[in-house]
């Protein structure tokens, strides 16, 4: 059974090495999540540890999917901090181990964040992803609305400039609460 848990700042430090391995594998597999290949595992672990303070301060929320004791995926939510934007947040760093893709885990992580956002009173979520990526298919299937693309927006893991497509969603829409589309059970909770 896969368990999706919200991680505290100290929890993020605890899981930093596993999250680093996930990040390195994801980037090496070609997913555009802000890093280029090759990515040093130590640098990736440091990157995760550096986010612990933001989690503790409420400037970042991180969820992990655990398959037993192993981290199988993650997703983050970055709340807007400006007074005129407190109603929205950005979904970021949705990653699933390459060996675990196609089983509904990405959708389950996305659903967990959408449900949490709705319960927290957020009325708008936004995200961006590489145009034409597998992630785009996931977001469309989950009811996200495309709002435009920007050419040559970011480097892909191989170092080539790629277009990025932006999406939005109102938390609590019927699609947001549909649940994972794959086998297995998912539980949502908290991890310290």
Protein backbone atom coordinates (compact mmCIF):
# COMPACT_ATOMS: atom_id res chain seq x y z
CA UNK A 1 0.00 0.00 0.00
CA UNK A 2 1.22 3.49 -0.84
CA UNK A 3 0.95 6.15 1.84
CA UNK A 4 1.05 9.87 1.07
CA UNK A 5 2.20 12.02 3.98
CA UNK A 6 2.83 15.69 4.56
CA UNK A 7 6.40 16.24 5.76
CA UNK A 8 7.55 18.70 8.44
CA UNK A 9 10.86 20.58 8.23
CA UNK A 10 12.70 18.00 10.40
CA UNK A 11 10.98 15.26 8.38
CA UNK A 12 12.30 16.80 5.19
CA UNK A 13 15.82 16.61 6.61
CA UNK A 14 15.19 12.96 7.58
CA UNK A 15 14.06 12.08 4.04
CA UNK A 16 16.62 14.32 2.24
CA UNK A 17 18.84 11.47 1.04
CA UNK A 18 15.90 9.47 -0.34
CA UNK A 19 14.42 12.57 -1.93
CA UNK A 20 17.83 13.30 -3.45
CA UNK A 21 17.94 9.85 -5.02
CA UNK A 22 14.43 10.43 -6.40
CA UNK A 23 15.44 13.82 -7.80
CA UNK A 24 18.63 12.47 -9.40
CA UNK A 25 16.74 9.53 -10.97
CA UNK A 26 13.95 11.80 -12.22
CA UNK A 27 16.34 14.28 -13.82
CA UNK A 28 18.45 11.48 -15.32
CA UNK A 29 15.25 10.01 -16.80
CA UNK A 30 14.61 13.33 -18.60
CA UNK A 31 11.98 15.03 -16.46
CA UNK A 32 12.24 18.80 -16.40
CA UNK A 33 12.01 19.73 -12.72
CA UNK A 34 14.51 22.59 -12.60
CA UNK A 35 17.80 20.70 -12.76
CA UNK A 36 20.17 19.47 -15.48
CA UNK A 37 21.80 16.08 -15.83
CA UNK A 38 24.10 14.93 -14.37
CA UNK A 39 22.93 16.05 -10.94
CA UNK A 40 25.20 15.29 -7.99
CA UNK A 41 23.34 13.33 -5.32
CA UNK A 42 25.03 15.23 -2.49
CA UNK A 43 24.03 18.55 -4.03
CA UNK A 44 20.48 17.24 -4.46
CA UNK A 45 20.34 16.20 -0.77
CA UNK A 46 21.62 19.64 0.25
CA UNK A 47 18.93 21.26 -1.92
CA UNK A 48 16.22 19.33 -0.06
CA UNK A 49 17.72 20.07 3.38
CA UNK A 50 17.85 23.78 2.54
CA UNK A 51 14.05 23.74 2.15
CA UNK A 52 13.40 22.57 5.72
CA UNK A 53 13.26 26.13 7.05
CA UNK A 54 10.73 27.15 4.41
CA UNK A 55 8.57 24.15 5.38
CA UNK A 56 8.73 25.08 9.06
CA UNK A 57 7.87 28.72 8.23
CA UNK A 58 4.86 27.70 6.10
CA UNK A 59 6.39 29.03 2.87
CA UNK A 60 6.51 25.51 1.41
CA UNK A 61 4.57 22.28 1.89
CA UNK A 62 6.02 18.93 0.84
CA UNK A 63 4.31 15.57 0.56
CA UNK A 64 6.00 12.24 -0.02
CA UNK A 65 4.59 8.96 -1.22
CA UNK A 66 6.00 6.02 0.71
CA UNK A 67 5.89 2.50 -0.56
CA UNK A 68 6.82 0.74 2.64
CA UNK A 69 9.78 2.71 3.95
CA UNK A 70 10.94 3.82 0.49
CA UNK A 71 10.14 7.26 -0.96
CA UNK A 72 8.36 6.56 -4.26
CA UNK A 73 7.34 10.12 -5.14
CA UNK A 74 6.92 13.68 -3.96
CA UNK A 75 5.05 16.90 -4.66
CA UNK A 76 5.36 20.41 -3.25
CA UNK A 77 3.08 23.39 -2.86
CA UNK A 78 4.41 26.95 -2.69
CA UNK A 79 1.84 29.36 -1.21
CA UNK A 80 1.85 32.89 -2.60
CA UNK A 81 3.01 35.33 0.07
CA UNK A 82 1.94 38.72 -1.27
CA UNK A 83 -1.18 40.24 0.31
CA UNK A 84 -3.08 40.24 -2.99
CA UNK A 85 -2.29 36.59 -3.73
CA UNK A 86 -2.93 34.71 -0.48
CA UNK A 87 -5.73 32.78 -2.20
CA UNK A 88 -3.37 30.86 -4.50
CA UNK A 89 -0.38 28.54 -4.52
CA UNK A 90 1.97 26.94 -7.04
CA UNK A 91 2.25 23.17 -7.42
CA UNK A 92 5.90 22.23 -7.84
CA UNK A 93 8.31 19.29 -8.06
CA UNK A 94 5.86 16.47 -8.78
CA UNK A 95 8.15 13.46 -9.13
CA UNK A 96 7.61 9.71 -9.25
CA UNK A 97 10.42 7.18 -9.45
CA UNK A 98 10.82 6.13 -13.09
CA UNK A 99 10.25 2.49 -12.09
CA UNK A 100 6.93 3.42 -10.44
CA UNK A 101 5.32 5.46 -13.20
CA UNK A 102 2.06 4.50 -14.86
CA UNK A 103 0.48 3.19 -11.65
CA UNK A 104 -1.51 6.27 -10.62
CA UNK A 105 0.99 7.57 -8.06
CA UNK A 106 1.47 10.94 -9.78
CA UNK A 107 -2.29 11.39 -9.88
CA UNK A 108 -2.58 10.39 -6.19
CA UNK A 109 0.07 12.95 -5.18
CA UNK A 110 -1.64 15.64 -7.25
CA UNK A 111 -5.01 14.78 -5.73
CA UNK A 112 -3.58 14.94 -2.19
CA UNK A 113 -2.31 18.47 -2.83
CA UNK A 114 -5.54 19.57 -4.47
CA UNK A 115 -7.60 18.23 -1.56
CA UNK A 116 -5.34 19.89 1.01
CA UNK A 117 -5.54 23.21 -0.90
CA UNK A 118 -9.34 23.05 -0.97
CA UNK A 119 -9.47 22.30 2.78
CA UNK A 120 -7.07 25.20 3.44
CA UNK A 121 -9.36 27.62 1.60
CA UNK A 122 -7.13 28.18 -1.41
CA UNK A 123 -9.15 29.10 -4.49
CA UNK A 124 -6.51 28.82 -7.22
CA UNK A 125 -3.60 26.52 -8.00
CA UNK A 126 -1.08 27.10 -10.79
CA UNK A 127 1.78 25.09 -12.22
CA UNK A 128 4.07 24.89 -15.21
CA UNK A 129 5.60 21.96 -17.05
CA UNK A 130 7.63 21.24 -20.15
CA UNK A 131 5.43 21.44 -23.23
CA UNK A 132 4.76 18.00 -24.69
CA UNK A 133 5.90 16.12 -21.57
CA UNK A 134 4.16 13.15 -19.97
CA UNK A 135 3.35 15.47 -17.07
CA UNK A 136 1.16 17.54 -19.40
CA UNK A 137 -1.02 14.50 -20.08
CA UNK A 138 -1.38 13.91 -16.34
CA UNK A 139 -2.44 17.51 -15.64
CA UNK A 140 -4.97 17.53 -18.47
CA UNK A 141 -6.43 14.20 -17.33
CA UNK A 142 -6.71 15.63 -13.79
CA UNK A 143 -8.81 18.55 -15.04
CA UNK A 144 -6.18 21.29 -15.12
CA UNK A 145 -6.74 24.10 -17.65
CA UNK A 146 -3.96 25.17 -20.00
CA UNK A 147 -3.50 28.94 -20.07
CA UNK A 148 -0.54 29.36 -22.43
CA UNK A 149 2.98 28.44 -23.40
CA UNK A 150 6.24 30.33 -23.43
CA UNK A 151 8.93 29.26 -25.94
CA UNK A 152 12.49 28.60 -24.76
CA UNK A 153 11.45 29.06 -21.13
CA UNK A 154 13.76 26.57 -19.40
CA UNK A 155 16.54 24.10 -20.02
CA UNK A 156 15.58 20.44 -20.08
CA UNK A 157 17.85 17.97 -18.22
CA UNK A 158 20.02 17.60 -21.35
CA UNK A 159 20.57 21.38 -21.52
CA UNK A 160 18.29 22.23 -24.47
CA UNK A 161 15.88 25.15 -24.24
CA UNK A 162 12.25 23.96 -24.20
CA UNK A 163 8.85 25.58 -24.18
CA UNK A 164 6.86 25.55 -20.94
CA UNK A 165 3.09 25.36 -20.64
CA UNK A 166 1.22 26.95 -17.73
CA UNK A 167 -1.90 25.47 -16.12
CA UNK A 168 -4.40 26.42 -13.44
CA UNK A 169 -7.08 24.71 -11.41
CA UNK A 170 -9.69 25.68 -8.85
CA UNK A 171 -9.26 23.28 -5.90
CA UNK A 172 -12.37 21.28 -5.10
CA UNK A 173 -13.47 20.83 -8.73
CA UNK A 174 -14.93 17.39 -9.34
CA UNK A 175 -11.77 16.25 -11.14
CA UNK A 176 -9.62 17.30 -8.18
CA UNK A 177 -11.37 14.85 -5.90
CA UNK A 178 -11.52 11.92 -8.33
CA UNK A 179 -8.63 10.05 -6.67
CA UNK A 180 -5.83 8.01 -8.17
CA UNK A 181 -6.40 6.23 -11.45
CA UNK A 182 -4.56 3.04 -10.88
CA UNK A 183 -4.27 -0.05 -8.74
CA UNK A 184 -3.50 -0.05 -5.05
CA UNK A 185 -4.66 1.95 -2.08
CA UNK A 186 -3.53 5.37 -1.02
CA UNK A 187 -3.66 6.83 2.47
CA UNK A 188 -2.94 10.45 3.30
CA UNK A 189 -1.42 11.57 6.59
CA UNK A 190 1.42 13.49 8.21
CA UNK A 191 5.04 12.58 8.91
CA UNK A 192 7.25 14.51 11.26
